[in-house]
């Protein structure tokens, strides 16, 4: 199964542009995995995941637009300072790691099929 599942991007209603950025960030997710594997504190990953999950849930209570939620999560990672493009990519890579681990955003129910695939037979 691809990580994160591409259907999860569609299920959450991300725009094509944001999905494209997310897919570009996927190739770097293994660096985040390597980082957490090398940490001396085995709880660090879970603590960070819990923080992202909590922040995501707080944002999602008042915002339904997935693109905007992701943007707000990027700002959470980067802080208030304006960042250059490479830093934004780094923040997105970290978020894609937790997206793939199903810590943030909704997971499609088993058997869910995107509208574009409905009625398509192979």
PDB file of N, CA and C in Angstrom:
ATOM      1  N   UNK A   1       0.851  -1.182   0.000  1.00  0.00           N
ATOM      2  CA  UNK A   1       0.000   0.000   0.000  1.00  0.00           C
ATOM      3  C   UNK A   1       0.895   1.242   0.000  1.00  0.00           C
ATOM      4  N   UNK A   2       0.618   2.207  -0.875  1.00  0.00           N
ATOM      5  CA  UNK A   2       1.423   3.437  -0.865  1.00  0.00           C
ATOM      6  C   UNK A   2       1.216   4.188   0.441  1.00  0.00           C
ATOM      7  N   UNK A   3       2.281   4.848   0.908  1.00  0.00           N
ATOM      8  CA  UNK A   3       2.182   5.642   2.112  1.00  0.00           C
ATOM      9  C   UNK A   3       2.411   7.075   1.786  1.00  0.00           C
ATOM     10  N   UNK A   4       1.562   7.976   2.095  1.00  0.00           N
ATOM     11  CA  UNK A   4       0.207   7.718   2.561  1.00  0.00           C
ATOM     12  C   UNK A   4      -0.670   7.271   1.408  1.00  0.00           C
ATOM     13  N   UNK A   5      -1.743   6.574   1.719  1.00  0.00           N
ATOM     14  CA  UNK A   5      -2.604   6.117   0.628  1.00  0.00           C
ATOM     15  C   UNK A   5      -3.111   7.307  -0.182  1.00  0.00           C
ATOM     16  N   UNK A   6      -2.984   7.199  -1.479  1.00  0.00           N
ATOM     17  CA  UNK A   6      -3.432   8.295  -2.339  1.00  0.00           C
ATOM     18  C   UNK A   6      -4.924   8.518  -2.175  1.00  0.00           C
ATOM     19  N   UNK A   7      -5.663   7.454  -1.886  1.00  0.00           N
ATOM     20  CA  UNK A   7      -7.101   7.604  -1.652  1.00  0.00           C
ATOM     21  C   UNK A   7      -7.371   8.492  -0.440  1.00  0.00           C
ATOM     22  N   UNK A   8      -6.465   8.485   0.528  1.00  0.00           N
ATOM     23  CA  UNK A   8      -6.645   9.330   1.706  1.00  0.00           C
ATOM     24  C   UNK A   8      -6.601  10.804   1.311  1.00  0.00           C
ATOM     25  N   UNK A   9      -5.751  11.140   0.355  1.00  0.00           N
ATOM     26  CA  UNK A   9      -5.699  12.522  -0.129  1.00  0.00           C
ATOM     27  C   UNK A   9      -7.027  12.894  -0.776  1.00  0.00           C
ATOM     28  N   UNK A  10      -7.542  12.005  -1.612  1.00  0.00           N
ATOM     29  CA  UNK A  10      -8.812  12.264  -2.282  1.00  0.00           C
ATOM     30  C   UNK A  10      -9.960  12.304  -1.282  1.00  0.00           C
ATOM     31  N   UNK A  11      -9.959  11.382  -0.320  1.00  0.00           N
ATOM     32  CA  UNK A  11     -11.022  11.302   0.680  1.00  0.00           C
ATOM     33  C   UNK A  11     -11.115  12.601   1.482  1.00  0.00           C
ATOM     34  N   UNK A  12      -9.976  13.199   1.773  1.00  0.00           N
ATOM     35  CA  UNK A  12      -9.957  14.442   2.545  1.00  0.00           C
ATOM     36  C   UNK A  12     -10.214  15.675   1.690  1.00  0.00           C
ATOM     37  N   UNK A  13     -10.338  15.494   0.391  1.00  0.00           N
ATOM     38  CA  UNK A  13     -10.729  16.585  -0.491  1.00  0.00           C
ATOM     39  C   UNK A  13      -9.660  17.611  -0.777  1.00  0.00           C
ATOM     40  N   UNK A  14      -8.397  17.194  -0.789  1.00  0.00           N
ATOM     41  CA  UNK A  14      -7.338  18.135  -1.132  1.00  0.00           C
ATOM     42  C   UNK A  14      -7.446  18.529  -2.600  1.00  0.00           C
ATOM     43  N   UNK A  15      -7.094  19.768  -2.896  1.00  0.00           N
ATOM     44  CA  UNK A  15      -7.088  20.234  -4.286  1.00  0.00           C
ATOM     45  C   UNK A  15      -5.979  19.513  -5.046  1.00  0.00           C
ATOM     46  N   UNK A  16      -6.069  19.551  -6.365  1.00  0.00           N
ATOM     47  CA  UNK A  16      -5.054  18.908  -7.202  1.00  0.00           C
ATOM     48  C   UNK A  16      -3.677  19.475  -6.905  1.00  0.00           C
ATOM     49  N   UNK A  17      -3.569  20.806  -6.761  1.00  0.00           N
ATOM     50  CA  UNK A  17      -2.271  21.447  -6.504  1.00  0.00           C
ATOM     51  C   UNK A  17      -1.652  20.960  -5.195  1.00  0.00           C
ATOM     52  N   UNK A  18      -2.460  20.876  -4.163  1.00  0.00           N
ATOM     53  CA  UNK A  18      -1.948  20.431  -2.864  1.00  0.00           C
ATOM     54  C   UNK A  18      -1.578  18.949  -2.931  1.00  0.00           C
ATOM     55  N   UNK A  19      -2.398  18.137  -3.593  1.00  0.00           N
ATOM     56  CA  UNK A  19      -2.061  16.723  -3.746  1.00  0.00           C
ATOM     57  C   UNK A  19      -0.720  16.574  -4.464  1.00  0.00           C
ATOM     58  N   UNK A  20      -0.484  17.405  -5.461  1.00  0.00           N
ATOM     59  CA  UNK A  20       0.779  17.362  -6.197  1.00  0.00           C
ATOM     60  C   UNK A  20       1.954  17.657  -5.258  1.00  0.00           C
ATOM     61  N   UNK A  21       1.829  18.706  -4.446  1.00  0.00           N
ATOM     62  CA  UNK A  21       2.880  19.042  -3.471  1.00  0.00           C
ATOM     63  C   UNK A  21       3.092  17.914  -2.473  1.00  0.00           C
ATOM     64  N   UNK A  22       1.980  17.316  -2.026  1.00  0.00           N
ATOM     65  CA  UNK A  22       2.069  16.227  -1.057  1.00  0.00           C
ATOM     66  C   UNK A  22       2.805  15.035  -1.658  1.00  0.00           C
ATOM     67  N   UNK A  23       2.504  14.717  -2.915  1.00  0.00           N
ATOM     68  CA  UNK A  23       3.162  13.594  -3.582  1.00  0.00           C
ATOM     69  C   UNK A  23       4.656  13.859  -3.759  1.00  0.00           C
ATOM     70  N   UNK A  24       5.020  15.105  -4.041  1.00  0.00           N
ATOM     71  CA  UNK A  24       6.443  15.448  -4.162  1.00  0.00           C
ATOM     72  C   UNK A  24       7.167  15.246  -2.829  1.00  0.00           C
ATOM     73  N   UNK A  25       6.505  15.569  -1.751  1.00  0.00           N
ATOM     74  CA  UNK A  25       7.115  15.442  -0.424  1.00  0.00           C
ATOM     75  C   UNK A  25       7.286  13.980  -0.011  1.00  0.00           C
ATOM     76  N   UNK A  26       6.483  13.090  -0.585  1.00  0.00           N
ATOM     77  CA  UNK A  26       6.525  11.678  -0.204  1.00  0.00           C
ATOM     78  C   UNK A  26       7.907  11.048  -0.364  1.00  0.00           C
ATOM     79  N   UNK A  27       8.638  11.473  -1.366  1.00  0.00           N
ATOM     80  CA  UNK A  27       9.936  10.839  -1.617  1.00  0.00           C
ATOM     81  C   UNK A  27      10.942  11.122  -0.503  1.00  0.00           C
ATOM     82  N   UNK A  28      10.634  12.042   0.387  1.00  0.00           N
ATOM     83  CA  UNK A  28      11.553  12.390   1.465  1.00  0.00           C
ATOM     84  C   UNK A  28      11.110  11.861   2.830  1.00  0.00           C
ATOM     85  N   UNK A  29       9.942  11.248   2.903  1.00  0.00           N
ATOM     86  CA  UNK A  29       9.392  10.783   4.169  1.00  0.00           C
ATOM     87  C   UNK A  29      10.322   9.783   4.863  1.00  0.00           C
ATOM     88  N   UNK A  30      11.055   8.995   4.083  1.00  0.00           N
ATOM     89  CA  UNK A  30      11.957   8.011   4.695  1.00  0.00           C
ATOM     90  C   UNK A  30      13.007   8.677   5.589  1.00  0.00           C
ATOM     91  N   UNK A  31      13.352   9.943   5.331  1.00  0.00           N
ATOM     92  CA  UNK A  31      14.306  10.648   6.183  1.00  0.00           C
ATOM     93  C   UNK A  31      13.721  10.888   7.573  1.00  0.00           C
ATOM     94  N   UNK A  32      12.432  11.164   7.620  1.00  0.00           N
ATOM     95  CA  UNK A  32      11.768  11.358   8.911  1.00  0.00           C
ATOM     96  C   UNK A  32      11.721  10.023   9.652  1.00  0.00           C
ATOM     97  N   UNK A  33      11.406   8.955   8.943  1.00  0.00           N
ATOM     98  CA  UNK A  33      11.407   7.621   9.553  1.00  0.00           C
ATOM     99  C   UNK A  33      12.783   7.292  10.124  1.00  0.00           C
ATOM    100  N   UNK A  34      13.830   7.547   9.336  1.00  0.00           N
ATOM    101  CA  UNK A  34      15.197   7.292   9.793  1.00  0.00           C
ATOM    102  C   UNK A  34      15.524   8.116  11.036  1.00  0.00           C
ATOM    103  N   UNK A  35      15.086   9.372  11.041  1.00  0.00           N
ATOM    104  CA  UNK A  35      15.326  10.247  12.184  1.00  0.00           C
ATOM    105  C   UNK A  35      14.730   9.635  13.453  1.00  0.00           C
ATOM    106  N   UNK A  36      13.475   9.225  13.382  1.00  0.00           N
ATOM    107  CA  UNK A  36      12.835   8.680  14.581  1.00  0.00           C
ATOM    108  C   UNK A  36      13.419   7.330  14.986  1.00  0.00           C
ATOM    109  N   UNK A  37      13.852   6.546  14.033  1.00  0.00           N
ATOM    110  CA  UNK A  37      14.492   5.263  14.360  1.00  0.00           C
ATOM    111  C   UNK A  37      15.813   5.471  15.095  1.00  0.00           C
ATOM    112  N   UNK A  38      16.497   6.568  14.827  1.00  0.00           N
ATOM    113  CA  UNK A  38      17.808   6.808  15.433  1.00  0.00           C
ATOM    114  C   UNK A  38      17.729   7.543  16.778  1.00  0.00           C
ATOM    115  N   UNK A  39      16.549   7.928  17.201  1.00  0.00           N
ATOM    116  CA  UNK A  39      16.404   8.690  18.445  1.00  0.00           C
ATOM    117  C   UNK A  39      16.617   7.797  19.656  1.00  0.00           C
ATOM    118  N   UNK A  40      17.235   8.343  20.676  1.00  0.00           N
ATOM    119  CA  UNK A  40      17.454   7.605  21.917  1.00  0.00           C
ATOM    120  C   UNK A  40      16.157   7.482  22.721  1.00  0.00           C
ATOM    121  N   UNK A  41      15.295   8.480  22.621  1.00  0.00           N
ATOM    122  CA  UNK A  41      14.028   8.466  23.347  1.00  0.00           C
ATOM    123  C   UNK A  41      12.974   7.761  22.493  1.00  0.00           C
ATOM    124  N   UNK A  42      12.581   6.539  22.874  1.00  0.00           N
ATOM    125  CA  UNK A  42      11.624   5.796  22.048  1.00  0.00           C
ATOM    126  C   UNK A  42      10.219   6.415  22.045  1.00  0.00           C
ATOM    127  N   UNK A  43       9.949   7.323  22.972  1.00  0.00           N
ATOM    128  CA  UNK A  43       8.627   7.944  23.056  1.00  0.00           C
ATOM    129  C   UNK A  43       8.515   9.235  22.248  1.00  0.00           C
ATOM    130  N   UNK A  44       9.637   9.749  21.749  1.00  0.00           N
ATOM    131  CA  UNK A  44       9.625  11.045  21.075  1.00  0.00           C
ATOM    132  C   UNK A  44       8.654  11.072  19.902  1.00  0.00           C
ATOM    133  N   UNK A  45       8.684  10.056  19.052  1.00  0.00           N
ATOM    134  CA  UNK A  45       7.817  10.008  17.881  1.00  0.00           C
ATOM    135  C   UNK A  45       6.348  10.054  18.289  1.00  0.00           C
ATOM    136  N   UNK A  46       5.987   9.271  19.300  1.00  0.00           N
ATOM    137  CA  UNK A  46       4.600   9.231  19.746  1.00  0.00           C
ATOM    138  C   UNK A  46       4.163  10.558  20.362  1.00  0.00           C
ATOM    139  N   UNK A  47       5.071  11.204  21.068  1.00  0.00           N
ATOM    140  CA  UNK A  47       4.757  12.504  21.665  1.00  0.00           C
ATOM    141  C   UNK A  47       4.535  13.557  20.582  1.00  0.00           C
ATOM    142  N   UNK A  48       5.386  13.557  19.574  1.00  0.00           N
ATOM    143  CA  UNK A  48       5.234  14.505  18.469  1.00  0.00           C
ATOM    144  C   UNK A  48       3.939  14.200  17.714  1.00  0.00           C
ATOM    145  N   UNK A  49       3.667  12.922  17.466  1.00  0.00           N
ATOM    146  CA  UNK A  49       2.435  12.522  16.778  1.00  0.00           C
ATOM    147  C   UNK A  49       1.208  12.991  17.552  1.00  0.00           C
ATOM    148  N   UNK A  50       1.229  12.826  18.857  1.00  0.00           N
ATOM    149  CA  UNK A  50       0.098  13.263  19.685  1.00  0.00           C
ATOM    150  C   UNK A  50      -0.094  14.777  19.583  1.00  0.00           C
ATOM    151  N   UNK A  51       1.000  15.502  19.547  1.00  0.00           N
ATOM    152  CA  UNK A  51       0.909  16.957  19.397  1.00  0.00           C
ATOM    153  C   UNK A  51       0.300  17.360  18.063  1.00  0.00           C
ATOM    154  N   UNK A  52       0.726  16.706  16.981  1.00  0.00           N
ATOM    155  CA  UNK A  52       0.154  17.000  15.665  1.00  0.00           C
ATOM    156  C   UNK A  52      -1.322  16.617  15.621  1.00  0.00           C
ATOM    157  N   UNK A  53      -1.647  15.458  16.183  1.00  0.00           N
ATOM    158  CA  UNK A  53      -3.035  15.002  16.184  1.00  0.00           C
ATOM    159  C   UNK A  53      -3.919  15.995  16.942  1.00  0.00           C
ATOM    160  N   UNK A  54      -3.449  16.448  18.102  1.00  0.00           N
ATOM    161  CA  UNK A  54      -4.197  17.415  18.908  1.00  0.00           C
ATOM    162  C   UNK A  54      -4.376  18.730  18.155  1.00  0.00           C
ATOM    163  N   UNK A  55      -3.314  19.219  17.555  1.00  0.00           N
ATOM    164  CA  UNK A  55      -3.389  20.487  16.815  1.00  0.00           C
ATOM    165  C   UNK A  55      -4.305  20.332  15.602  1.00  0.00           C
ATOM    166  N   UNK A  56      -4.187  19.213  14.895  1.00  0.00           N
ATOM    167  CA  UNK A  56      -5.070  18.946  13.757  1.00  0.00           C
ATOM    168  C   UNK A  56      -6.528  18.960  14.194  1.00  0.00           C
ATOM    169  N   UNK A  57      -6.847  18.244  15.263  1.00  0.00           N
ATOM    170  CA  UNK A  57      -8.235  18.161  15.732  1.00  0.00           C
ATOM    171  C   UNK A  57      -8.765  19.530  16.142  1.00  0.00           C
ATOM    172  N   UNK A  58      -7.919  20.353  16.748  1.00  0.00           N
ATOM    173  CA  UNK A  58      -8.327  21.700  17.140  1.00  0.00           C
ATOM    174  C   UNK A  58      -8.667  22.533  15.895  1.00  0.00           C
ATOM    175  N   UNK A  59      -7.819  22.470  14.885  1.00  0.00           N
ATOM    176  CA  UNK A  59      -8.058  23.226  13.651  1.00  0.00           C
ATOM    177  C   UNK A  59      -9.310  22.704  12.946  1.00  0.00           C
ATOM    178  N   UNK A  60      -9.448  21.388  12.874  1.00  0.00           N
ATOM    179  CA  UNK A  60     -10.558  20.775  12.143  1.00  0.00           C
ATOM    180  C   UNK A  60     -11.912  21.085  12.761  1.00  0.00           C
ATOM    181  N   UNK A  61     -11.953  21.498  14.008  1.00  0.00           N
ATOM    182  CA  UNK A  61     -13.215  21.866  14.644  1.00  0.00           C
ATOM    183  C   UNK A  61     -13.817  23.124  14.035  1.00  0.00           C
ATOM    184  N   UNK A  62     -12.962  24.009  13.524  1.00  0.00           N
ATOM    185  CA  UNK A  62     -13.455  25.272  12.984  1.00  0.00           C
ATOM    186  C   UNK A  62     -13.204  25.435  11.489  1.00  0.00           C
ATOM    187  N   UNK A  63     -12.519  24.485  10.890  1.00  0.00           N
ATOM    188  CA  UNK A  63     -12.168  24.596   9.473  1.00  0.00           C
ATOM    189  C   UNK A  63     -12.399  23.248   8.798  1.00  0.00           C
ATOM    190  N   UNK A  64     -13.128  23.252   7.699  1.00  0.00           N
ATOM    191  CA  UNK A  64     -13.394  22.008   6.981  1.00  0.00           C
ATOM    192  C   UNK A  64     -12.569  21.873   5.709  1.00  0.00           C
ATOM    193  N   UNK A  65     -11.890  22.919   5.294  1.00  0.00           N
ATOM    194  CA  UNK A  65     -11.118  22.894   4.057  1.00  0.00           C
ATOM    195  C   UNK A  65      -9.758  22.243   4.313  1.00  0.00           C
ATOM    196  N   UNK A  66      -9.536  21.074   3.726  1.00  0.00           N
ATOM    197  CA  UNK A  66      -8.296  20.325   3.971  1.00  0.00           C
ATOM    198  C   UNK A  66      -7.051  21.095   3.547  1.00  0.00           C
ATOM    199  N   UNK A  67      -7.132  21.821   2.435  1.00  0.00           N
ATOM    200  CA  UNK A  67      -5.984  22.613   1.989  1.00  0.00           C
ATOM    201  C   UNK A  67      -5.601  23.630   3.065  1.00  0.00           C
ATOM    202  N   UNK A  68      -6.603  24.299   3.631  1.00  0.00           N
ATOM    203  CA  UNK A  68      -6.359  25.306   4.655  1.00  0.00           C
ATOM    204  C   UNK A  68      -5.835  24.659   5.934  1.00  0.00           C
ATOM    205  N   UNK A  69      -6.381  23.506   6.298  1.00  0.00           N
ATOM    206  CA  UNK A  69      -5.897  22.807   7.490  1.00  0.00           C
ATOM    207  C   UNK A  69      -4.419  22.455   7.324  1.00  0.00           C
ATOM    208  N   UNK A  70      -4.053  21.925   6.155  1.00  0.00           N
ATOM    209  CA  UNK A  70      -2.652  21.578   5.915  1.00  0.00           C
ATOM    210  C   UNK A  70      -1.768  22.816   5.989  1.00  0.00           C
ATOM    211  N   UNK A  71      -2.234  23.932   5.417  1.00  0.00           N
ATOM    212  CA  UNK A  71      -1.478  25.184   5.465  1.00  0.00           C
ATOM    213  C   UNK A  71      -1.270  25.611   6.915  1.00  0.00           C
ATOM    214  N   UNK A  72      -2.322  25.512   7.725  1.00  0.00           N
ATOM    215  CA  UNK A  72      -2.211  25.888   9.143  1.00  0.00           C
ATOM    216  C   UNK A  72      -1.258  24.951   9.889  1.00  0.00           C
ATOM    217  N   UNK A  73      -1.261  23.678   9.544  1.00  0.00           N
ATOM    218  CA  UNK A  73      -0.314  22.750  10.162  1.00  0.00           C
ATOM    219  C   UNK A  73       1.122  23.083   9.752  1.00  0.00           C
ATOM    220  N   UNK A  74       1.322  23.477   8.505  1.00  0.00           N
ATOM    221  CA  UNK A  74       2.658  23.905   8.065  1.00  0.00           C
ATOM    222  C   UNK A  74       3.104  25.112   8.876  1.00  0.00           C
ATOM    223  N   UNK A  75       2.205  26.059   9.101  1.00  0.00           N
ATOM    224  CA  UNK A  75       2.543  27.246   9.891  1.00  0.00           C
ATOM    225  C   UNK A  75       2.875  26.838  11.324  1.00  0.00           C
ATOM    226  N   UNK A  76       2.203  25.816  11.833  1.00  0.00           N
ATOM    227  CA  UNK A  76       2.476  25.298  13.177  1.00  0.00           C
ATOM    228  C   UNK A  76       3.912  24.766  13.252  1.00  0.00           C
ATOM    229  N   UNK A  77       4.344  24.082  12.213  1.00  0.00           N
ATOM    230  CA  UNK A  77       5.702  23.534  12.174  1.00  0.00           C
ATOM    231  C   UNK A  77       6.722  24.659  12.037  1.00  0.00           C
ATOM    232  N   UNK A  78       6.436  25.610  11.157  1.00  0.00           N
ATOM    233  CA  UNK A  78       7.411  26.645  10.826  1.00  0.00           C
ATOM    234  C   UNK A  78       7.392  27.837  11.782  1.00  0.00           C
ATOM    235  N   UNK A  79       6.326  28.015  12.521  1.00  0.00           N
ATOM    236  CA  UNK A  79       6.199  29.189  13.381  1.00  0.00           C
ATOM    237  C   UNK A  79       5.681  30.372  12.582  1.00  0.00           C
ATOM    238  N   UNK A  80       5.667  31.523  13.176  1.00  0.00           N
ATOM    239  CA  UNK A  80       5.099  32.712  12.537  1.00  0.00           C
ATOM    240  C   UNK A  80       6.029  33.357  11.524  1.00  0.00           C
ATOM    241  N   UNK A  81       7.302  33.042  11.597  1.00  0.00           N
ATOM    242  CA  UNK A  81       8.260  33.678  10.693  1.00  0.00           C
ATOM    243  C   UNK A  81       8.007  33.215   9.263  1.00  0.00           C
ATOM    244  N   UNK A  82       8.140  34.118   8.346  1.00  0.00           N
ATOM    245  CA  UNK A  82       8.019  33.773   6.936  1.00  0.00           C
ATOM    246  C   UNK A  82       9.196  32.889   6.559  1.00  0.00           C
ATOM    247  N   UNK A  83       8.917  31.800   5.870  1.00  0.00           N
ATOM    248  CA  UNK A  83       9.963  30.858   5.517  1.00  0.00           C
ATOM    249  C   UNK A  83      10.159  30.823   4.010  1.00  0.00           C
ATOM    250  N   UNK A  84      11.340  30.451   3.613  1.00  0.00           N
ATOM    251  CA  UNK A  84      11.611  30.268   2.201  1.00  0.00           C
ATOM    252  C   UNK A  84      11.121  28.897   1.773  1.00  0.00           C
ATOM    253  N   UNK A  85      10.981  28.695   0.495  1.00  0.00           N
ATOM    254  CA  UNK A  85      10.433  27.474  -0.070  1.00  0.00           C
ATOM    255  C   UNK A  85      11.057  26.182   0.464  1.00  0.00           C
ATOM    256  N   UNK A  86      12.395  26.066   0.597  1.00  0.00           N
ATOM    257  CA  UNK A  86      12.944  24.806   1.110  1.00  0.00           C
ATOM    258  C   UNK A  86      12.431  24.461   2.509  1.00  0.00           C
ATOM    259  N   UNK A  87      12.238  25.463   3.344  1.00  0.00           N
ATOM    260  CA  UNK A  87      11.727  25.205   4.687  1.00  0.00           C
ATOM    261  C   UNK A  87      10.281  24.731   4.624  1.00  0.00           C
ATOM    262  N   UNK A  88       9.511  25.275   3.696  1.00  0.00           N
ATOM    263  CA  UNK A  88       8.129  24.830   3.545  1.00  0.00           C
ATOM    264  C   UNK A  88       8.088  23.377   3.092  1.00  0.00           C
ATOM    265  N   UNK A  89       8.984  22.983   2.203  1.00  0.00           N
ATOM    266  CA  UNK A  89       9.049  21.591   1.777  1.00  0.00           C
ATOM    267  C   UNK A  89       9.409  20.696   2.961  1.00  0.00           C
ATOM    268  N   UNK A  90      10.356  21.119   3.780  1.00  0.00           N
ATOM    269  CA  UNK A  90      10.735  20.334   4.958  1.00  0.00           C
ATOM    270  C   UNK A  90       9.546  20.143   5.893  1.00  0.00           C
ATOM    271  N   UNK A  91       8.788  21.203   6.112  1.00  0.00           N
ATOM    272  CA  UNK A  91       7.612  21.104   6.976  1.00  0.00           C
ATOM    273  C   UNK A  91       6.599  20.146   6.372  1.00  0.00           C
ATOM    274  N   UNK A  92       6.395  20.214   5.071  1.00  0.00           N
ATOM    275  CA  UNK A  92       5.441  19.335   4.410  1.00  0.00           C
ATOM    276  C   UNK A  92       5.893  17.878   4.482  1.00  0.00           C
ATOM    277  N   UNK A  93       7.187  17.631   4.374  1.00  0.00           N
ATOM    278  CA  UNK A  93       7.705  16.264   4.477  1.00  0.00           C
ATOM    279  C   UNK A  93       7.364  15.692   5.862  1.00  0.00           C
ATOM    280  N   UNK A  94       7.591  16.473   6.901  1.00  0.00           N
ATOM    281  CA  UNK A  94       7.264  16.011   8.256  1.00  0.00           C
ATOM    282  C   UNK A  94       5.766  15.734   8.359  1.00  0.00           C
ATOM    283  N   UNK A  95       4.954  16.633   7.845  1.00  0.00           N
ATOM    284  CA  UNK A  95       3.504  16.433   7.899  1.00  0.00           C
ATOM    285  C   UNK A  95       3.082  15.210   7.099  1.00  0.00           C
ATOM    286  N   UNK A  96       3.723  14.965   5.961  1.00  0.00           N
ATOM    287  CA  UNK A  96       3.381  13.784   5.158  1.00  0.00           C
ATOM    288  C   UNK A  96       3.748  12.496   5.892  1.00  0.00           C
ATOM    289  N   UNK A  97       4.794  12.533   6.680  1.00  0.00           N
ATOM    290  CA  UNK A  97       5.135  11.362   7.492  1.00  0.00           C
ATOM    291  C   UNK A  97       3.968  11.040   8.424  1.00  0.00           C
ATOM    292  N   UNK A  98       3.486  12.047   9.146  1.00  0.00           N
ATOM    293  CA  UNK A  98       2.395  11.813  10.092  1.00  0.00           C
ATOM    294  C   UNK A  98       1.064  11.588   9.380  1.00  0.00           C
ATOM    295  N   UNK A  99       0.904  12.136   8.182  1.00  0.00           N
ATOM    296  CA  UNK A  99      -0.278  11.858   7.360  1.00  0.00           C
ATOM    297  C   UNK A  99      -0.295  10.374   7.001  1.00  0.00           C
ATOM    298  N   UNK A 100       0.834   9.861   6.570  1.00  0.00           N
ATOM    299  CA  UNK A 100       0.946   8.457   6.184  1.00  0.00           C
ATOM    300  C   UNK A 100       0.795   7.507   7.357  1.00  0.00           C
ATOM    301  N   UNK A 101       1.185   7.967   8.531  1.00  0.00           N
ATOM    302  CA  UNK A 101       1.049   7.154   9.735  1.00  0.00           C
ATOM    303  C   UNK A 101      -0.370   7.256  10.303  1.00  0.00           C
ATOM    304  N   UNK A 102      -1.236   7.989   9.590  1.00  0.00           N
ATOM    305  CA  UNK A 102      -2.648   8.174   9.972  1.00  0.00           C
ATOM    306  C   UNK A 102      -2.806   8.894  11.302  1.00  0.00           C
ATOM    307  N   UNK A 103      -1.878   9.803  11.602  1.00  0.00           N
ATOM    308  CA  UNK A 103      -1.972  10.599  12.821  1.00  0.00           C
ATOM    309  C   UNK A 103      -2.798  11.860  12.589  1.00  0.00           C
ATOM    310  N   UNK A 104      -2.825  12.333  11.349  1.00  0.00           N
ATOM    311  CA  UNK A 104      -3.599  13.532  11.023  1.00  0.00           C
ATOM    312  C   UNK A 104      -4.442  13.262   9.780  1.00  0.00           C
ATOM    313  N   UNK A 105      -5.563  13.904   9.709  1.00  0.00           N
ATOM    314  CA  UNK A 105      -6.564  13.806   8.642  1.00  0.00           C
ATOM    315  C   UNK A 105      -7.317  12.480   8.714  1.00  0.00           C
ATOM    316  N   UNK A 106      -8.480  12.499   8.103  1.00  0.00           N
ATOM    317  CA  UNK A 106      -9.382  11.344   8.161  1.00  0.00           C
ATOM    318  C   UNK A 106      -8.895  10.207   7.275  1.00  0.00           C
ATOM    319  N   UNK A 107      -9.096   8.995   7.754  1.00  0.00           N
ATOM    320  CA  UNK A 107      -8.747   7.789   7.010  1.00  0.00           C
ATOM    321  C   UNK A 107     -10.013   7.313   6.297  1.00  0.00           C
ATOM    322  N   UNK A 108      -9.934   7.032   4.997  1.00  0.00           N
ATOM    323  CA  UNK A 108     -11.128   6.562   4.293  1.00  0.00           C
ATOM    324  C   UNK A 108     -11.594   5.220   4.860  1.00  0.00           C
ATOM    325  N   UNK A 109     -12.910   5.048   4.965  1.00  0.00           N
ATOM    326  CA  UNK A 109     -13.404   3.758   5.455  1.00  0.00           C
ATOM    327  C   UNK A 109     -13.060   2.643   4.474  1.00  0.00           C
ATOM    328  N   UNK A 110     -12.984   1.440   4.978  1.00  0.00           N
ATOM    329  CA  UNK A 110     -12.696   0.279   4.143  1.00  0.00           C
ATOM    330  C   UNK A 110     -13.709   0.204   3.006  1.00  0.00           C
ATOM    331  N   UNK A 111     -13.218   0.036   1.801  1.00  0.00           N
ATOM    332  CA  UNK A 111     -14.088  -0.076   0.637  1.00  0.00           C
ATOM    333  C   UNK A 111     -14.463   1.246  -0.007  1.00  0.00           C
ATOM    334  N   UNK A 112     -14.020   2.375   0.583  1.00  0.00           N
ATOM    335  CA  UNK A 112     -14.343   3.677   0.003  1.00  0.00           C
ATOM    336  C   UNK A 112     -13.674   3.805  -1.362  1.00  0.00           C
ATOM    337  N   UNK A 113     -14.431   4.312  -2.332  1.00  0.00           N
ATOM    338  CA  UNK A 113     -13.928   4.482  -3.691  1.00  0.00           C
ATOM    339  C   UNK A 113     -14.126   5.942  -4.088  1.00  0.00           C
ATOM    340  N   UNK A 114     -13.092   6.605  -4.601  1.00  0.00           N
ATOM    341  CA  UNK A 114     -13.259   7.981  -5.067  1.00  0.00           C
ATOM    342  C   UNK A 114     -14.314   8.057  -6.165  1.00  0.00           C
ATOM    343  N   UNK A 115     -15.019   9.190  -6.228  1.00  0.00           N
ATOM    344  CA  UNK A 115     -16.059   9.371  -7.232  1.00  0.00           C
ATOM    345  C   UNK A 115     -15.547   9.107  -8.639  1.00  0.00           C
ATOM    346  N   UNK A 116     -14.308   9.485  -8.915  1.00  0.00           N
ATOM    347  CA  UNK A 116     -13.736   9.318 -10.257  1.00  0.00           C
ATOM    348  C   UNK A 116     -13.633   7.842 -10.637  1.00  0.00           C
ATOM    349  N   UNK A 117     -13.541   6.965  -9.634  1.00  0.00           N
ATOM    350  CA  UNK A 117     -13.405   5.536  -9.909  1.00  0.00           C
ATOM    351  C   UNK A 117     -14.749   4.808  -9.917  1.00  0.00           C
ATOM    352  N   UNK A 118     -15.808   5.474  -9.443  1.00  0.00           N
ATOM    353  CA  UNK A 118     -17.111   4.828  -9.405  1.00  0.00           C
ATOM    354  C   UNK A 118     -17.589   4.558 -10.816  1.00  0.00           C
ATOM    355  N   UNK A 119     -18.044   3.374 -11.029  1.00  0.00           N
ATOM    356  CA  UNK A 119     -18.561   3.001 -12.339  1.00  0.00           C
ATOM    357  C   UNK A 119     -17.487   2.592 -13.320  1.00  0.00           C
ATOM    358  N   UNK A 120     -16.213   2.690 -12.926  1.00  0.00           N
ATOM    359  CA  UNK A 120     -15.122   2.286 -13.803  1.00  0.00           C
ATOM    360  C   UNK A 120     -14.867   0.802 -13.586  1.00  0.00           C
ATOM    361  N   UNK A 121     -14.910   0.050 -14.640  1.00  0.00           N
ATOM    362  CA  UNK A 121     -14.642  -1.384 -14.522  1.00  0.00           C
ATOM    363  C   UNK A 121     -13.319  -1.695 -15.197  1.00  0.00           C
ATOM    364  N   UNK A 122     -12.624  -2.637 -14.624  1.00  0.00           N
ATOM    365  CA  UNK A 122     -11.335  -3.033 -15.210  1.00  0.00           C
ATOM    366  C   UNK A 122     -11.379  -4.461 -15.653  1.00  0.00           C
TER     367      UNK A 122
END
